[in-house]
N, C-alpha and C. Protein backbone atom coordinates (compact mmCIF):
# COMPACT_ATOMS: atom_id res chain seq x y z
N MET A 1 -72.39 23.90 166.54
CA MET A 1 -72.13 24.63 165.39
C MET A 1 -70.62 24.85 165.44
N HIS A 2 -69.90 24.70 164.39
CA HIS A 2 -68.53 24.89 164.28
C HIS A 2 -68.06 25.87 163.31
N PHE A 3 -67.42 26.85 163.72
CA PHE A 3 -67.01 27.89 162.85
C PHE A 3 -65.46 27.70 162.45
N ALA A 4 -65.06 28.21 161.17
CA ALA A 4 -63.86 28.16 160.57
C ALA A 4 -62.87 29.09 161.27
N GLN A 5 -61.67 28.93 161.50
CA GLN A 5 -60.91 29.73 161.84
C GLN A 5 -60.65 30.96 160.93
N LEU A 6 -60.48 32.12 161.37
CA LEU A 6 -60.28 33.39 160.59
C LEU A 6 -58.89 33.28 160.17
N PRO A 7 -58.56 33.51 158.94
CA PRO A 7 -57.38 33.73 158.19
C PRO A 7 -56.70 35.04 158.77
N GLN A 8 -55.49 35.02 159.41
CA GLN A 8 -54.86 36.05 159.94
C GLN A 8 -53.34 35.99 159.79
N VAL A 9 -52.71 37.29 159.53
CA VAL A 9 -51.28 37.38 159.42
C VAL A 9 -50.78 38.60 160.30
N GLU A 10 -49.51 38.32 160.79
CA GLU A 10 -48.87 39.41 161.69
C GLU A 10 -48.62 40.46 160.77
N ALA A 11 -48.65 41.81 161.40
CA ALA A 11 -48.35 42.98 160.42
C ALA A 11 -46.91 42.91 160.05
N ALA A 12 -45.99 42.49 160.60
CA ALA A 12 -44.54 42.33 160.06
C ALA A 12 -44.54 41.29 158.87
N ALA A 13 -45.47 40.45 158.74
CA ALA A 13 -45.26 39.43 157.54
C ALA A 13 -46.08 39.92 156.29
N VAL A 14 -46.88 40.98 156.46
CA VAL A 14 -47.54 41.49 155.17
C VAL A 14 -46.47 41.81 154.17
N PRO A 15 -46.41 41.29 152.84
CA PRO A 15 -45.54 41.43 152.06
C PRO A 15 -45.36 43.15 151.65
N ALA A 16 -44.37 43.65 151.00
CA ALA A 16 -44.20 45.15 150.87
C ALA A 16 -45.30 45.40 149.65
N ASP A 17 -45.29 44.49 148.79
CA ASP A 17 -46.10 44.57 147.63
C ASP A 17 -47.54 44.18 147.85
N GLY A 18 -47.79 43.88 148.93
CA GLY A 18 -49.16 43.21 149.16
C GLY A 18 -50.44 44.44 149.22
N LEU A 19 -51.68 43.88 148.68
CA LEU A 19 -52.65 44.64 148.55
C LEU A 19 -53.24 44.67 149.93
N LEU A 20 -53.10 46.13 150.44
CA LEU A 20 -53.53 46.15 151.86
C LEU A 20 -55.03 46.97 151.76
N LEU A 21 -56.09 46.68 152.42
CA LEU A 21 -57.32 47.21 152.62
C LEU A 21 -57.59 47.81 153.84
N ASP A 22 -57.65 49.09 153.87
CA ASP A 22 -57.75 49.71 155.40
C ASP A 22 -59.16 50.14 155.29
N VAL A 23 -59.88 49.77 156.54
CA VAL A 23 -61.29 49.81 156.35
C VAL A 23 -61.57 50.59 157.69
N ARG A 24 -60.69 51.60 158.10
CA ARG A 24 -60.99 52.48 159.19
C ARG A 24 -61.91 53.81 158.58
N GLU A 25 -62.29 54.60 159.47
CA GLU A 25 -63.05 55.84 159.06
C GLU A 25 -61.89 56.97 158.45
N ASP A 26 -62.70 57.91 157.79
CA ASP A 26 -61.68 58.89 156.99
C ASP A 26 -60.83 59.68 158.05
N ASP A 27 -61.34 59.88 159.29
CA ASP A 27 -60.44 60.81 160.09
C ASP A 27 -59.26 59.87 160.79
N GLU A 28 -59.50 58.58 160.88
CA GLU A 28 -58.24 57.70 161.15
C GLU A 28 -57.53 57.68 160.00
N TRP A 29 -57.92 57.42 158.67
CA TRP A 29 -57.02 57.34 157.52
C TRP A 29 -56.28 58.57 157.57
N ALA A 30 -56.77 59.66 157.62
CA ALA A 30 -56.02 61.18 157.64
C ALA A 30 -54.89 61.07 158.63
N ALA A 31 -55.27 60.78 159.82
CA ALA A 31 -54.16 60.84 160.82
C ALA A 31 -52.82 59.97 160.52
N GLY A 32 -53.10 58.88 159.84
CA GLY A 32 -51.86 58.09 159.52
C GLY A 32 -52.46 56.53 158.87
N HIS A 33 -51.88 56.21 157.82
CA HIS A 33 -52.11 55.12 156.82
C HIS A 33 -50.91 54.55 156.27
N VAL A 34 -50.95 53.28 155.82
CA VAL A 34 -50.09 52.73 155.14
C VAL A 34 -50.00 53.33 153.60
N GLU A 35 -48.80 53.75 153.03
CA GLU A 35 -48.80 54.18 151.61
C GLU A 35 -49.14 53.26 150.78
N GLY A 36 -50.00 53.39 149.63
CA GLY A 36 -50.35 52.49 148.86
C GLY A 36 -51.53 51.69 149.07
N ALA A 37 -52.05 51.82 150.33
CA ALA A 37 -53.16 51.17 150.81
C ALA A 37 -54.42 51.52 150.18
N LEU A 38 -55.47 50.56 150.05
CA LEU A 38 -56.90 50.95 149.26
C LEU A 38 -57.66 51.37 150.63
N HIS A 39 -58.39 52.45 150.55
CA HIS A 39 -59.03 52.71 151.62
C HIS A 39 -60.58 52.79 151.57
N ILE A 40 -61.32 51.84 151.99
CA ILE A 40 -62.64 51.94 152.03
C ILE A 40 -63.15 51.39 153.28
N PRO A 41 -63.80 52.56 153.97
CA PRO A 41 -64.17 52.16 155.31
C PRO A 41 -65.34 51.07 155.45
N MET A 42 -65.48 50.43 156.50
CA MET A 42 -66.16 49.36 156.98
C MET A 42 -67.65 49.35 156.28
N GLY A 43 -68.31 50.57 156.34
CA GLY A 43 -69.57 50.83 156.23
C GLY A 43 -69.83 51.00 154.61
N GLN A 44 -68.72 51.02 153.74
CA GLN A 44 -69.04 51.11 152.42
C GLN A 44 -68.18 50.12 151.67
N VAL A 45 -67.77 48.91 152.24
CA VAL A 45 -67.18 47.76 151.62
C VAL A 45 -68.38 47.27 150.70
N VAL A 46 -69.54 46.81 151.17
CA VAL A 46 -70.41 46.26 150.27
C VAL A 46 -70.86 47.16 148.99
N ALA A 47 -70.95 48.36 149.20
CA ALA A 47 -71.34 49.37 148.05
C ALA A 47 -70.09 49.39 147.18
N ARG A 48 -69.19 49.35 147.54
CA ARG A 48 -67.82 49.51 146.85
C ARG A 48 -67.04 48.28 146.44
N PHE A 49 -67.77 47.03 146.52
CA PHE A 49 -67.12 45.98 146.32
C PHE A 49 -66.67 45.84 144.97
N ASP A 50 -67.26 46.36 143.92
CA ASP A 50 -66.67 46.28 142.61
C ASP A 50 -65.37 46.92 142.68
N GLU A 51 -65.22 48.00 143.05
CA GLU A 51 -63.82 48.88 143.32
C GLU A 51 -62.74 47.94 143.77
N LEU A 52 -63.18 47.26 145.09
CA LEU A 52 -62.30 46.31 145.58
C LEU A 52 -61.77 45.23 144.63
N THR A 53 -62.74 44.53 144.08
CA THR A 53 -62.51 43.13 143.40
C THR A 53 -61.58 43.72 141.98
N ALA A 54 -61.91 45.12 141.52
CA ALA A 54 -60.96 45.57 140.46
C ALA A 54 -59.45 45.69 140.85
N ALA A 55 -59.37 45.95 142.15
CA ALA A 55 -57.96 46.30 142.71
C ALA A 55 -57.49 44.80 142.91
N VAL A 56 -57.98 43.99 143.29
CA VAL A 56 -57.71 42.70 143.52
C VAL A 56 -57.08 41.87 142.30
N GLY A 57 -57.94 41.97 141.30
CA GLY A 57 -57.37 41.07 140.00
C GLY A 57 -57.25 39.73 140.22
N GLU A 58 -56.47 39.11 139.47
CA GLU A 58 -56.71 37.74 139.47
C GLU A 58 -55.88 36.98 140.60
N GLY A 59 -56.64 36.49 141.54
CA GLY A 59 -55.90 35.55 142.52
C GLY A 59 -55.18 36.26 143.61
N ARG A 60 -55.03 37.66 143.75
CA ARG A 60 -54.39 38.39 144.77
C ARG A 60 -54.82 38.49 146.10
N ARG A 61 -54.03 38.18 147.04
CA ARG A 61 -54.44 38.08 148.53
C ARG A 61 -54.75 39.64 148.98
N VAL A 62 -55.80 39.83 149.59
CA VAL A 62 -56.21 41.11 150.17
C VAL A 62 -55.92 41.03 151.73
N HIS A 63 -54.94 42.00 152.35
CA HIS A 63 -54.47 41.92 153.57
C HIS A 63 -55.54 43.12 154.20
N VAL A 64 -56.44 42.72 155.03
CA VAL A 64 -57.36 43.54 155.62
C VAL A 64 -57.05 44.20 157.15
N MET A 65 -57.08 45.63 157.27
CA MET A 65 -56.72 46.16 158.50
C MET A 65 -57.69 47.35 159.02
N CYS A 66 -57.56 47.46 160.17
CA CYS A 66 -58.45 48.60 160.94
C CYS A 66 -57.18 49.18 162.08
N ARG A 67 -57.95 49.46 163.19
CA ARG A 67 -57.09 50.03 164.03
C ARG A 67 -56.47 48.97 165.06
N VAL A 68 -57.15 47.88 165.36
CA VAL A 68 -56.85 46.96 166.25
C VAL A 68 -57.29 45.59 165.90
N GLY A 69 -58.18 45.48 165.00
CA GLY A 69 -58.20 44.10 164.13
C GLY A 69 -60.07 43.81 164.13
N GLY A 70 -60.70 44.68 165.00
CA GLY A 70 -62.06 44.15 165.02
C GLY A 70 -62.91 44.18 163.75
N ARG A 71 -62.69 45.31 163.39
CA ARG A 71 -63.51 45.62 162.03
C ARG A 71 -63.04 44.93 160.91
N SER A 72 -61.80 44.88 160.88
CA SER A 72 -61.23 44.12 159.60
C SER A 72 -61.49 42.74 159.71
N ALA A 73 -61.50 42.13 160.97
CA ALA A 73 -61.87 40.72 161.28
C ALA A 73 -63.52 40.46 160.53
N GLN A 74 -64.15 41.24 160.90
CA GLN A 74 -65.73 41.45 160.25
C GLN A 74 -65.55 41.40 158.58
N VAL A 75 -64.54 42.52 158.14
CA VAL A 75 -64.68 42.55 156.70
C VAL A 75 -64.13 41.29 155.95
N THR A 76 -62.97 40.84 156.72
CA THR A 76 -62.28 39.75 156.23
C THR A 76 -63.24 38.53 156.03
N GLN A 77 -64.04 38.27 157.14
CA GLN A 77 -65.11 37.32 156.97
C GLN A 77 -65.95 37.43 155.98
N TYR A 78 -66.62 38.65 155.71
CA TYR A 78 -67.33 38.97 154.62
C TYR A 78 -66.60 38.45 153.12
N LEU A 79 -65.48 39.02 152.91
CA LEU A 79 -64.71 38.75 151.75
C LEU A 79 -64.37 37.35 151.53
N VAL A 80 -64.08 36.53 152.40
CA VAL A 80 -63.93 35.17 152.35
C VAL A 80 -65.31 34.44 152.00
N ALA A 81 -66.47 34.96 152.44
CA ALA A 81 -67.51 34.49 151.97
C ALA A 81 -67.89 34.80 150.40
N GLN A 82 -67.59 35.82 150.12
CA GLN A 82 -67.60 36.10 148.50
C GLN A 82 -66.52 35.61 147.64
N GLY A 83 -65.74 34.73 148.18
CA GLY A 83 -64.80 34.04 147.53
C GLY A 83 -63.44 34.63 147.30
N LEU A 84 -63.03 35.79 147.94
CA LEU A 84 -61.90 36.32 147.85
C LEU A 84 -60.93 35.84 148.72
N ASP A 85 -59.68 35.74 148.57
CA ASP A 85 -58.41 35.43 149.34
C ASP A 85 -58.17 36.51 150.13
N ALA A 86 -58.70 36.58 151.43
CA ALA A 86 -58.63 37.69 152.29
C ALA A 86 -58.02 37.22 153.49
N VAL A 87 -57.12 38.15 154.31
CA VAL A 87 -56.61 37.66 155.61
C VAL A 87 -56.71 38.89 156.61
N ASN A 88 -57.04 38.78 157.78
CA ASN A 88 -57.07 39.99 158.79
C ASN A 88 -55.44 40.15 159.24
N VAL A 89 -55.23 41.47 159.19
CA VAL A 89 -53.98 41.80 159.81
C VAL A 89 -54.06 41.81 161.29
N ASP A 90 -53.72 40.79 161.99
CA ASP A 90 -53.76 41.09 163.33
C ASP A 90 -53.15 41.99 164.17
N GLY A 91 -53.94 42.64 165.00
CA GLY A 91 -53.60 43.72 165.50
C GLY A 91 -53.63 44.98 164.89
N GLY A 92 -54.02 45.04 163.72
CA GLY A 92 -54.20 46.27 162.88
C GLY A 92 -53.21 47.20 162.72
N MET A 93 -53.47 48.72 162.83
CA MET A 93 -52.49 49.55 162.65
C MET A 93 -51.75 49.75 163.81
N LEU A 94 -52.15 49.35 164.97
CA LEU A 94 -51.47 49.47 166.28
C LEU A 94 -50.24 48.40 166.10
N ALA A 95 -50.44 47.42 165.48
CA ALA A 95 -49.25 46.24 165.34
C ALA A 95 -48.42 46.52 164.27
N TRP A 96 -49.06 47.36 163.28
CA TRP A 96 -48.15 47.87 162.16
C TRP A 96 -47.31 48.82 162.51
N ASP A 97 -47.69 49.78 163.43
CA ASP A 97 -46.79 50.66 163.92
C ASP A 97 -45.67 50.17 164.83
N ALA A 98 -46.32 49.33 165.82
CA ALA A 98 -45.36 48.69 166.69
C ALA A 98 -44.28 47.83 165.93
N ALA A 99 -44.54 47.28 164.93
CA ALA A 99 -43.55 46.56 164.07
C ALA A 99 -42.62 47.33 163.26
N GLY A 100 -42.93 48.59 163.40
CA GLY A 100 -41.78 49.52 162.78
C GLY A 100 -42.05 49.84 161.18
N ARG A 101 -43.32 49.37 160.99
CA ARG A 101 -43.81 49.43 159.29
C ARG A 101 -44.11 50.94 159.08
N SER A 102 -43.85 51.53 157.92
CA SER A 102 -44.06 52.78 157.43
C SER A 102 -45.52 53.32 157.51
N VAL A 103 -45.74 54.61 158.01
CA VAL A 103 -46.94 55.08 158.33
C VAL A 103 -46.83 56.67 157.53
N VAL A 104 -47.89 56.92 156.89
CA VAL A 104 -47.79 58.28 156.09
C VAL A 104 -49.15 58.90 156.46
N SER A 105 -49.10 60.33 156.37
CA SER A 105 -50.51 61.11 156.31
C SER A 105 -50.68 62.26 155.37
N GLY A 106 -51.80 62.67 155.54
CA GLY A 106 -52.10 63.95 154.65
C GLY A 106 -52.37 63.61 153.14
N PRO A 107 -52.91 64.36 152.39
CA PRO A 107 -53.06 64.24 151.05
C PRO A 107 -51.67 63.65 150.10
N ASP A 108 -50.70 64.33 150.62
CA ASP A 108 -49.28 64.16 149.98
C ASP A 108 -48.59 62.99 150.55
N GLY A 109 -49.01 62.23 151.31
CA GLY A 109 -48.42 61.07 151.83
C GLY A 109 -47.27 61.23 152.47
N THR A 110 -46.88 62.04 153.60
CA THR A 110 -45.63 62.30 154.08
C THR A 110 -45.58 61.60 155.45
N ALA A 111 -44.24 61.29 155.87
CA ALA A 111 -44.16 60.46 157.01
C ALA A 111 -44.44 61.51 158.49
N GLU A 112 -44.00 62.78 158.11
CA GLU A 112 -44.11 63.88 158.94
C GLU A 112 -45.58 64.02 159.48
N GLY A 113 -45.41 63.78 160.94
CA GLY A 113 -46.74 64.04 161.72
C GLY A 113 -47.58 62.92 161.56
N ALA A 114 -47.15 61.75 160.95
CA ALA A 114 -48.13 60.78 160.91
C ALA A 114 -48.31 59.87 162.35
N PHE A 115 -49.55 59.54 162.48
CA PHE A 115 -49.71 58.67 163.62
C PHE A 115 -51.00 57.91 163.61
N VAL A 116 -50.92 56.86 164.33
CA VAL A 116 -52.25 55.98 164.30
C VAL A 116 -53.26 56.51 165.20
N LEU A 117 -54.55 56.61 164.74
CA LEU A 117 -55.56 57.18 165.57
C LEU A 117 -56.51 55.90 165.53
């Protein structure tokens, strides 16, 4: 049996205006997340698929991330199977933070006190 390579992108290569789907749990999101990212925990992706497709629009790529890349790889695989242009952010939020990309926290989205959980 042959499996196709999972599409991936480095955190530093995600476009600033790219659609980012964060599939981490609520507590992880609250500790720190990418400003403007769409938050749908992995366990809710199927139930909230319409919300995701509305955000995707016509032909927009979805950059999927979690903490280190395991959960997001599974969601990416599902989204690709559904016909969406989806890529896994290699290394997840840990790689995003290590690349010096912005992280915010709390309901007001401030950088103060934000960290990757």
